[in-house]
Amino acid sequence: MFEDLKVIDCSTVLAGPSVGTFFAELGASVTKIENPAIPDVTRSWKLASEDKNTSVSAYFSSVNYRKQYLKLDFKNGSHHNQLIHLIQTADIFLCNFKKGDAEKFGLSDSYLQSVNPKLIIGKISGFGSESDRVAYDLILQAETGFMSMNGTPESGPVKMPVALIDVLAAHQLKEGILTALLNRTKTQKGAVVSVSLYDAAIASLANQASNYLMAGHIPERIGSLHPNIAPYGEIFITNDGKLITFAIGSNKHFQLLCEFLNLSDLPSDPRFSENVERVKNRKVLQEIITEIVSHCNAADILAFMHAHFVPAGLIKDLKQVFEDPASQHLVRTETIEHMHTKRVSQIAFQVKS
């Protein structure tokens, strides 16, 4: 799809490199450039079980795929000239420089676009281009409301187990760059596309933002429960020790759930007849369902729910996830610096012509 596209990836950590990998998966030629003395820090972010002597970590592998690797020190005149030579014929330049570093390295937007007027510059910052704050995903989760909503009353605030804000910012940057590429076909001019982790996080608050902006509702930590729907996110243990959950989004879903559980009177009970009442009485409802589910087999529950189009699922760990054939088409393998690596694809969509 993008076989003629040339990308220079000077970004580090997760958000920027995942954008480079996105284009690489779609056929673009992507060169990742690292400082020879200070390579991408995620090369060193290793699990205790990983070989400490290798230059590639699982974390690094997750967002670096199908790239060529080049070591350049931008303060070195020869290296700087080599980079500029690459940029002259590039389509996209990715970076997440700290405030002032682009100018310090002689890589300002105006200079790069004077070298290549068609260049699209994709930039990621933490708190905006005018802020010099160091930004890690954890800090963004803390300062944009995500941690305050995540967890339980007992646990206190909890971060999500993936760098979600980085992932969200990467998607925003991809969309911006794709828009700029489309516009370039008309204008033959490049663009500067910038995304901050902060803005990407705020833009992703979705219904929780509207719950506050329209109703003044500040979400409490309710674990996996949904503030507007019940039962939704409650976790139940089956008689064979499996953990399952339901996303009962309509009265029809609720009626079918009750049909399977032999609770035919429940849908007409005023406490549970409508979703708003189920939300008010969700604790009592959970206790009722918990008792019945504890005597049921997980496979039987899920077979019925799937057959009747009721949203329900088994809570799986990653071993179970990747043993499922449904996930295998998203696994990508590659040898990087003599090391066999695996990651999941950055491409979840399918295009048919």
Protein backbone atom coordinates (compact mmCIF):
# COMPACT_ATOMS: atom_id res chain seq x y z
CA MET A 1 0.00 0.00 0.00
CA PHE A 2 2.85 2.43 0.89
CA GLU A 3 5.73 0.74 -0.96
CA ASP A 4 6.93 4.07 -2.35
CA LEU A 5 6.83 5.84 1.01
CA LYS A 6 10.05 6.64 2.85
CA VAL A 7 9.92 7.24 6.62
CA ILE A 8 12.70 8.49 8.89
CA ASP A 9 11.95 7.49 12.48
CA CYS A 10 13.94 9.44 15.05
CA SER A 11 11.42 8.79 17.81
CA THR A 12 11.95 6.66 20.90
CA VAL A 13 9.97 4.65 23.48
CA LEU A 14 6.49 3.57 22.30
CA ALA A 15 4.20 6.14 20.65
CA GLY A 16 6.44 7.38 17.84
CA PRO A 17 8.07 4.03 17.02
CA SER A 18 4.66 2.37 16.78
CA VAL A 19 3.73 4.91 14.08
CA GLY A 20 6.88 3.95 12.20
CA THR A 21 5.96 0.29 12.52
CA PHE A 22 2.44 1.04 11.27
CA PHE A 23 3.83 2.43 8.03
CA ALA A 24 6.44 -0.34 7.77
CA GLU A 25 3.71 -2.97 7.98
CA LEU A 26 1.94 -1.24 5.12
CA GLY A 27 5.04 -1.50 2.95
CA ALA A 28 6.90 1.75 3.61
CA SER A 29 10.68 1.87 3.87
CA VAL A 30 11.36 2.92 7.49
CA THR A 31 14.77 3.84 8.86
CA LYS A 32 15.02 4.10 12.64
CA ILE A 33 17.82 6.40 13.74
CA GLU A 34 19.36 6.17 17.20
CA ASN A 35 22.19 7.98 18.93
CA PRO A 36 25.14 5.54 19.08
CA ALA A 37 25.88 6.55 22.69
CA ILE A 38 22.26 6.81 23.86
CA PRO A 39 20.08 4.33 21.95
CA ASP A 40 16.34 3.97 22.39
CA VAL A 41 15.91 3.50 26.15
CA THR A 42 13.41 0.67 25.67
CA ARG A 43 16.24 -1.58 24.50
CA SER A 44 17.12 -1.77 28.20
CA TRP A 45 13.54 -2.19 29.51
CA LYS A 46 13.79 -5.93 30.03
CA LEU A 47 11.91 -8.47 32.08
CA ALA A 48 13.96 -10.28 34.68
CA SER A 49 13.77 -13.39 32.47
CA GLU A 50 15.33 -11.68 29.43
CA ASP A 51 19.00 -11.94 28.48
CA LYS A 52 20.66 -8.81 29.85
CA ASN A 53 23.48 -9.05 27.31
CA THR A 54 21.34 -8.59 24.20
CA SER A 55 20.67 -5.22 22.60
CA VAL A 56 16.99 -5.96 21.97
CA SER A 57 14.21 -6.26 24.55
CA ALA A 58 10.67 -7.56 24.17
CA TYR A 59 9.43 -4.03 24.87
CA PHE A 60 11.60 -2.57 22.10
CA SER A 61 10.47 -5.32 19.73
CA SER A 62 6.80 -4.56 20.35
CA VAL A 63 6.89 -1.33 18.33
CA ASN A 64 9.91 -1.79 16.09
CA TYR A 65 9.31 -4.00 13.07
CA ARG A 66 10.51 -4.09 9.48
CA LYS A 67 12.85 -1.16 10.07
CA GLN A 68 16.40 -0.48 9.01
CA TYR A 69 18.62 0.73 11.86
CA LEU A 70 21.13 3.53 11.64
CA LYS A 71 23.26 5.12 14.37
CA LEU A 72 23.78 8.85 14.01
CA ASP A 73 24.88 11.56 16.44
CA PHE A 74 23.15 14.75 15.31
CA LYS A 75 25.88 16.88 16.91
CA ASN A 76 28.43 15.26 14.60
CA GLY A 77 28.67 17.25 11.36
CA SER A 78 29.15 14.24 9.13
CA HIS A 79 26.28 12.37 10.79
CA HIS A 80 24.05 15.45 10.57
CA ASN A 81 24.77 15.76 6.86
CA GLN A 82 23.93 12.08 6.40
CA LEU A 83 20.57 12.60 8.09
CA ILE A 84 19.78 15.65 5.97
CA HIS A 85 20.64 13.67 2.86
CA LEU A 86 18.08 11.04 3.91
CA ILE A 87 15.47 13.68 4.68
CA GLN A 88 15.82 15.24 1.22
CA THR A 89 14.03 12.25 -0.30
CA ALA A 90 11.87 11.24 2.67
CA ASP A 91 8.10 11.53 2.93
CA ILE A 92 7.69 11.41 6.72
CA PHE A 93 9.96 12.39 9.60
CA LEU A 94 8.97 11.14 13.07
CA CYS A 95 10.36 12.58 16.29
CA ASN A 96 9.62 13.13 19.95
CA PHE A 97 12.37 15.60 20.78
CA LYS A 98 12.28 17.48 24.06
CA LYS A 99 11.50 21.19 23.87
CA GLY A 100 14.42 23.01 22.21
CA ASP A 101 16.23 19.86 21.05
CA ALA A 102 15.15 20.11 17.42
CA GLU A 103 16.70 23.58 17.17
CA LYS A 104 19.77 22.44 19.10
CA PHE A 105 20.24 19.58 16.63
CA GLY A 106 19.67 21.84 13.62
CA LEU A 107 16.42 20.05 12.81
CA SER A 108 13.79 22.76 13.18
CA ASP A 109 10.56 22.42 11.24
CA SER A 110 11.37 25.38 9.01
CA TYR A 111 14.81 24.05 8.17
CA LEU A 112 13.61 20.52 7.40
CA GLN A 113 10.88 21.82 5.13
CA SER A 114 13.34 24.11 3.36
CA VAL A 115 15.36 20.99 2.65
CA ASN A 116 12.26 19.05 1.56
CA PRO A 117 9.06 21.09 1.02
CA LYS A 118 7.00 17.88 0.65
CA LEU A 119 8.14 16.50 4.00
CA ILE A 120 5.49 15.61 6.58
CA ILE A 121 6.87 16.02 10.09
CA GLY A 122 5.14 13.96 12.78
CA LYS A 123 5.87 15.15 16.31
CA ILE A 124 4.87 13.76 19.69
CA SER A 125 5.21 15.70 22.95
CA GLY A 126 4.10 15.07 26.48
CA PHE A 127 2.20 18.18 27.49
CA GLY A 128 2.39 20.22 24.30
CA SER A 129 5.20 21.78 22.28
CA GLU A 130 5.70 24.64 24.75
CA SER A 131 6.15 22.40 27.79
CA ASP A 132 9.49 20.97 28.86
CA ARG A 133 7.98 18.47 31.31
CA VAL A 134 9.25 14.91 31.09
CA ALA A 135 6.25 12.78 30.17
CA TYR A 136 5.86 9.07 30.81
CA ASP A 137 2.60 7.24 30.23
CA LEU A 138 2.09 6.72 33.98
CA ILE A 139 2.20 10.47 34.61
CA LEU A 140 -0.30 11.12 31.83
CA GLN A 141 -2.64 8.44 33.19
CA ALA A 142 -2.38 10.18 36.55
CA GLU A 143 -2.98 13.73 35.32
CA THR A 144 -5.78 13.11 32.80
CA GLY A 145 -8.22 11.29 35.06
CA PHE A 146 -7.60 7.71 33.94
CA MET A 147 -6.00 6.51 37.17
CA SER A 148 -8.62 8.20 39.31
CA MET A 149 -11.32 6.14 37.59
CA ASN A 150 -9.37 2.87 37.40
CA GLY A 151 -9.26 0.41 40.29
CA THR A 152 -11.61 -0.38 43.14
CA PRO A 153 -12.53 1.44 46.36
CA GLU A 154 -10.08 -0.86 48.13
CA SER A 155 -7.21 -0.62 45.65
CA GLY A 156 -7.07 3.13 45.23
CA PRO A 157 -6.03 4.61 41.85
CA VAL A 158 -4.49 2.06 39.46
CA LYS A 159 -2.71 2.56 36.16
CA MET A 160 -3.67 0.45 33.18
CA PRO A 161 -1.28 -2.42 32.39
CA VAL A 162 -0.39 -1.11 28.92
CA ALA A 163 0.96 2.33 28.05
CA LEU A 164 -2.49 3.29 26.86
CA ILE A 165 -1.88 7.02 26.51
CA ASP A 166 1.10 6.33 24.25
CA VAL A 167 -1.07 4.00 22.17
CA LEU A 168 -3.81 6.63 21.90
CA ALA A 169 -1.34 9.36 20.93
CA ALA A 170 0.16 7.08 18.29
CA HIS A 171 -3.27 6.55 16.74
CA GLN A 172 -3.86 10.31 16.72
CA LEU A 173 -0.52 10.89 14.99
CA LYS A 174 -1.23 8.19 12.40
CA GLU A 175 -4.56 9.84 11.59
CA GLY A 176 -2.96 13.26 11.32
CA ILE A 177 -0.18 12.01 9.05
CA LEU A 178 -2.62 10.11 6.83
CA THR A 179 -4.69 13.29 6.52
CA ALA A 180 -1.55 15.24 5.60
CA LEU A 181 -0.58 12.62 3.01
CA LEU A 182 -4.02 12.89 1.44
CA ASN A 183 -3.80 16.68 1.38
CA ARG A 184 -0.31 16.51 -0.14
CA THR A 185 -1.71 14.79 -3.22
CA LYS A 186 -3.64 18.02 -3.88
CA THR A 187 -1.15 20.67 -2.74
CA GLN A 188 2.23 18.94 -3.25
CA LYS A 189 3.22 20.49 0.08
CA GLY A 190 4.28 18.91 3.34
CA ALA A 191 2.92 19.63 6.80
CA VAL A 192 3.76 19.55 10.49
CA VAL A 193 1.52 17.22 12.46
CA SER A 194 1.90 17.41 16.24
CA VAL A 195 0.19 15.46 18.99
CA SER A 196 0.60 15.70 22.73
CA LEU A 197 0.03 12.75 25.02
CA TYR A 198 -2.08 15.05 27.17
CA ASP A 199 -4.46 16.04 24.38
CA ALA A 200 -4.72 12.45 23.14
CA ALA A 201 -5.67 11.31 26.64
CA ILE A 202 -8.28 14.03 27.19
CA ALA A 203 -9.76 13.37 23.74
CA SER A 204 -10.19 9.71 24.70
CA LEU A 205 -12.24 10.26 27.86
CA ALA A 206 -15.35 9.83 25.68
CA ASN A 207 -18.53 9.05 27.67
CA GLN A 208 -16.80 9.66 31.01
CA ALA A 209 -16.02 13.21 29.90
CA SER A 210 -19.64 13.81 28.87
CA ASN A 211 -20.90 12.28 32.12
CA TYR A 212 -18.96 14.99 33.93
CA LEU A 213 -19.45 17.87 31.48
CA MET A 214 -23.21 17.34 31.20
CA ALA A 215 -24.17 15.85 34.55
CA GLY A 216 -21.34 16.88 36.88
CA HIS A 217 -20.61 13.21 37.56
CA ILE A 218 -17.10 12.49 38.87
CA PRO A 219 -16.49 8.75 38.37
CA GLU A 220 -15.70 6.65 41.39
CA ARG A 221 -13.42 3.64 41.25
CA ILE A 222 -15.79 0.76 40.57
CA GLY A 223 -13.39 -1.79 39.09
CA SER A 224 -14.67 -3.23 35.83
CA LEU A 225 -18.24 -2.07 36.45
CA HIS A 226 -19.91 0.38 34.09
CA PRO A 227 -21.43 3.56 35.59
CA ASN A 228 -24.39 3.50 33.19
CA ILE A 229 -25.15 -0.20 32.62
CA ALA A 230 -25.83 -3.26 34.80
CA PRO A 231 -24.98 -6.05 34.91
CA TYR A 232 -21.83 -5.01 33.10
CA GLY A 233 -18.33 -5.92 34.26
CA GLU A 234 -19.29 -7.90 37.36
CA ILE A 235 -17.10 -10.99 37.55
CA PHE A 236 -18.63 -14.38 38.24
CA ILE A 237 -17.00 -17.72 39.10
CA THR A 238 -18.46 -20.82 37.46
CA ASN A 239 -18.58 -24.29 38.98
CA ASP A 240 -15.51 -25.28 36.96
CA GLY A 241 -13.49 -22.38 38.35
CA LYS A 242 -13.62 -20.12 35.29
CA LEU A 243 -14.13 -16.36 35.48
CA ILE A 244 -16.78 -14.88 33.20
CA THR A 245 -18.40 -11.48 32.73
CA PHE A 246 -21.44 -10.07 30.99
CA ALA A 247 -22.14 -6.81 29.15
CA ILE A 248 -25.91 -6.61 29.38
CA GLY A 249 -26.68 -3.52 27.33
CA SER A 250 -30.41 -3.95 26.76
CA ASN A 251 -33.58 -5.35 28.32
CA LYS A 252 -33.56 -8.12 25.71
CA HIS A 253 -30.06 -9.15 26.77
CA PHE A 254 -31.22 -9.20 30.38
CA GLN A 255 -34.27 -11.30 29.60
CA LEU A 256 -32.15 -13.88 27.77
CA LEU A 257 -29.61 -13.99 30.60
CA CYS A 258 -32.43 -14.59 33.06
CA GLU A 259 -33.88 -17.26 30.80
CA PHE A 260 -30.66 -19.26 30.93
CA LEU A 261 -30.33 -18.79 34.70
CA ASN A 262 -33.96 -19.85 35.30
CA LEU A 263 -34.73 -16.44 36.77
CA SER A 264 -37.84 -15.79 34.67
CA ASP A 265 -39.44 -13.51 37.29
CA LEU A 266 -36.46 -11.15 37.46
CA PRO A 267 -37.15 -9.06 34.30
CA SER A 268 -40.57 -8.06 35.68
CA ASP A 269 -39.22 -7.22 39.13
CA PRO A 270 -39.40 -3.39 39.49
CA ARG A 271 -35.86 -3.38 40.85
CA PHE A 272 -34.51 -4.87 37.61
CA SER A 273 -37.10 -4.23 34.89
CA GLU A 274 -35.17 -1.31 33.35
CA ASN A 275 -31.48 -0.61 33.05
CA VAL A 276 -31.57 2.47 35.27
CA GLU A 277 -33.13 0.37 38.04
CA ARG A 278 -30.58 -2.40 37.53
CA VAL A 279 -27.80 0.17 37.98
CA LYS A 280 -29.37 1.35 41.25
CA ASN A 281 -29.74 -2.23 42.51
CA ARG A 282 -26.69 -3.77 40.92
CA LYS A 283 -25.25 -5.17 44.17
CA VAL A 284 -28.40 -7.20 44.92
CA LEU A 285 -28.56 -8.29 41.29
CA GLN A 286 -24.94 -9.39 41.38
CA GLU A 287 -25.59 -11.53 44.46
CA ILE A 288 -28.52 -13.24 42.77
CA ILE A 289 -26.59 -13.99 39.58
CA THR A 290 -23.47 -15.06 41.49
CA GLU A 291 -25.35 -17.81 43.29
CA ILE A 292 -26.81 -19.29 40.09
CA VAL A 293 -23.63 -18.98 38.01
CA SER A 294 -21.64 -20.81 40.70
CA HIS A 295 -23.60 -23.94 39.80
CA CYS A 296 -23.13 -23.58 36.03
CA ASN A 297 -20.40 -24.70 33.67
CA ALA A 298 -18.60 -21.85 31.86
CA ALA A 299 -18.80 -23.54 28.46
CA ASP A 300 -22.56 -24.02 28.80
CA ILE A 301 -23.11 -20.39 29.80
CA LEU A 302 -21.01 -19.02 26.97
CA ALA A 303 -22.50 -21.37 24.37
CA PHE A 304 -26.00 -20.14 25.21
CA MET A 305 -24.99 -16.48 25.34
CA HIS A 306 -23.13 -16.61 22.03
CA ALA A 307 -25.99 -18.49 20.34
CA HIS A 308 -28.46 -15.85 21.53
CA PHE A 309 -26.17 -12.86 20.84
CA VAL A 310 -25.81 -11.88 24.48
CA PRO A 311 -22.41 -10.22 25.13
CA ALA A 312 -20.48 -12.49 27.50
CA GLY A 313 -16.88 -13.55 27.77
CA LEU A 314 -14.32 -15.67 29.52
CA ILE A 315 -11.65 -13.69 31.36
CA LYS A 316 -8.41 -14.92 29.79
CA ASP A 317 -4.75 -14.40 30.59
CA LEU A 318 -2.32 -13.75 27.75
CA LYS A 319 -1.36 -17.41 27.49
CA GLN A 320 -4.98 -18.24 26.77
CA VAL A 321 -5.30 -15.29 24.41
CA PHE A 322 -2.36 -16.31 22.23
CA GLU A 323 -3.25 -20.00 22.29
CA ASP A 324 -6.51 -19.02 20.61
CA PRO A 325 -6.19 -19.39 16.81
CA ALA A 326 -8.22 -16.18 16.42
CA SER A 327 -5.25 -14.12 17.61
CA GLN A 328 -2.51 -15.81 15.60
CA HIS A 329 -2.99 -13.78 12.42
CA LEU A 330 -1.98 -10.67 14.36
CA VAL A 331 1.40 -12.02 15.50
CA ARG A 332 4.42 -10.74 13.57
CA THR A 333 7.91 -12.26 13.78
CA GLU A 334 11.25 -10.85 12.74
CA THR A 335 14.95 -11.23 13.48
CA ILE A 336 16.45 -7.99 14.82
CA GLU A 337 20.22 -7.91 15.38
CA HIS A 338 20.36 -11.73 15.39
CA MET A 339 17.52 -12.03 17.89
CA HIS A 340 14.19 -13.70 17.08
CA THR A 341 11.42 -11.27 18.04
CA LYS A 342 7.64 -11.28 18.13
CA ARG A 343 4.97 -8.62 18.48
CA VAL A 344 1.35 -7.99 17.60
CA SER A 345 0.47 -6.13 14.44
CA GLN A 346 -0.20 -2.39 14.40
CA ILE A 347 -2.81 -3.11 11.71
CA ALA A 348 -6.21 -4.29 12.92
CA PHE A 349 -8.23 -3.19 9.90
CA GLN A 350 -8.81 -5.05 6.64
CA VAL A 351 -9.12 -3.41 3.24
CA LYS A 352 -10.82 -5.12 0.30
CA SER A 353 -10.96 -3.65 -3.16
